[in-house]
Protein backbone atom coordinates (compact mmCIF):
# COMPACT_ATOMS: atom_id res chain seq x y z
CA MET A 1 19.04 7.02 7.05
CA ARG A 2 16.52 7.91 10.29
CA LYS A 3 16.71 11.51 10.09
CA THR A 4 13.67 11.03 7.57
CA TYR A 5 12.02 8.40 9.77
CA ASN A 6 8.41 9.73 10.01
CA ALA A 7 6.69 7.63 12.81
CA GLN A 8 3.41 9.22 11.68
CA PHE A 9 3.83 8.00 7.78
CA ALA A 10 5.42 4.44 9.54
CA GLY A 11 1.99 3.56 11.63
CA ILE A 12 -0.61 4.42 8.61
CA PHE A 13 1.79 3.11 5.86
CA ALA A 14 2.05 -0.76 8.36
CA GLU A 15 -1.94 0.04 8.54
CA ALA A 16 -2.65 -0.01 4.93
CA TYR A 17 0.40 -2.88 4.20
CA ALA A 18 -1.85 -5.11 6.38
CA ALA A 19 -5.14 -4.31 5.08
CA TYR A 20 -3.49 -4.79 1.50
CA LYS A 21 -2.85 -8.12 2.73
CA LYS A 22 -5.84 -9.49 4.47
CA GLY A 23 -7.70 -8.12 1.20
CA ASP A 24 -9.00 -4.53 2.05
CA PHE A 25 -7.93 -2.87 -1.20
CA GLY A 26 -10.03 0.28 -0.61
CA ASP A 27 -8.68 0.63 3.30
CA ALA A 28 -5.63 0.18 1.81
CA HIS A 29 -5.88 2.21 -0.66
CA ALA A 30 -7.23 5.32 0.91
CA LYS A 31 -4.84 4.61 3.99
CA LEU A 32 -1.43 4.98 1.10
CA GLN A 33 -2.80 7.92 -0.39
CA ALA A 34 -2.80 9.21 3.46
CA GLY A 35 0.47 8.39 3.70
CA LEU A 36 1.17 10.26 1.03
CA GLU A 37 0.68 13.20 2.46
CA LEU A 38 3.47 13.23 4.33
CA LYS A 39 6.12 11.31 2.65
CA PRO A 40 4.68 12.41 -1.18
CA ASN A 41 7.75 10.68 -2.76
CA ASP A 42 7.40 7.00 -1.34
CA GLY A 43 7.85 4.97 -3.93
CA PRO A 44 6.37 1.38 -2.55
CA SER A 45 3.11 3.21 -1.21
CA LYS A 46 2.77 4.51 -4.90
CA THR A 47 3.19 0.77 -6.51
CA LEU A 48 0.59 -0.41 -3.80
CA ILE A 49 -1.61 2.09 -5.39
CA GLU A 50 -1.65 1.23 -8.85
CA VAL A 51 -1.12 -2.19 -7.90
CA ILE A 52 -4.67 -2.02 -6.36
CA GLU A 53 -5.56 0.64 -9.22
CA ASP A 54 -4.57 -2.29 -11.49
CA PHE A 55 -6.81 -4.52 -10.17
CA GLY A 56 -9.73 -2.44 -9.90
CA MET A 57 -10.07 -1.47 -6.41
CA LYS A 58 -10.93 -5.11 -5.71
CA ALA A 59 -9.01 -8.23 -4.63
CA PRO A 60 -9.04 -10.62 -6.40
CA GLU A 61 -11.58 -14.10 -5.41
CA ASP A 62 -8.38 -15.70 -4.56
CA TRP A 63 -6.39 -13.63 -2.66
CA ALA A 64 -3.05 -15.13 -0.77
CA GLY A 65 -2.28 -11.86 0.56
CA TYR A 66 0.09 -11.20 -2.00
CA ARG A 67 0.56 -11.46 -5.37
CA ALA A 68 2.87 -12.96 -7.96
CA LEU A 69 5.91 -11.00 -9.61
CA THR A 70 6.33 -11.54 -13.19
CA SER A 71 8.98 -9.69 -13.89
CA LYS A 72 12.41 -8.10 -12.54
C-alpha cells in the first residue's frame, strides 16, 4: 500500500480537505483538481469535487464542515 504513497499528493489533499471543512469550496476545488494531476484515479478527490460542484461551488449558509450522508 505504501508503494503508491505520494507525499506531495497527500499534502495537497490535506490542504484541500481543510479548505472543504472550512467552507472554502473554491480553494478546495482548485487543490483537489491539482491533486488529480498527481493521482488521476483518486476516488475521494473525485467525490469531493462532485459534491462541491453539486453545491454550485459555494458552501451552504449553514455549513458545519461536513455534509449529511443520505444513502449507503
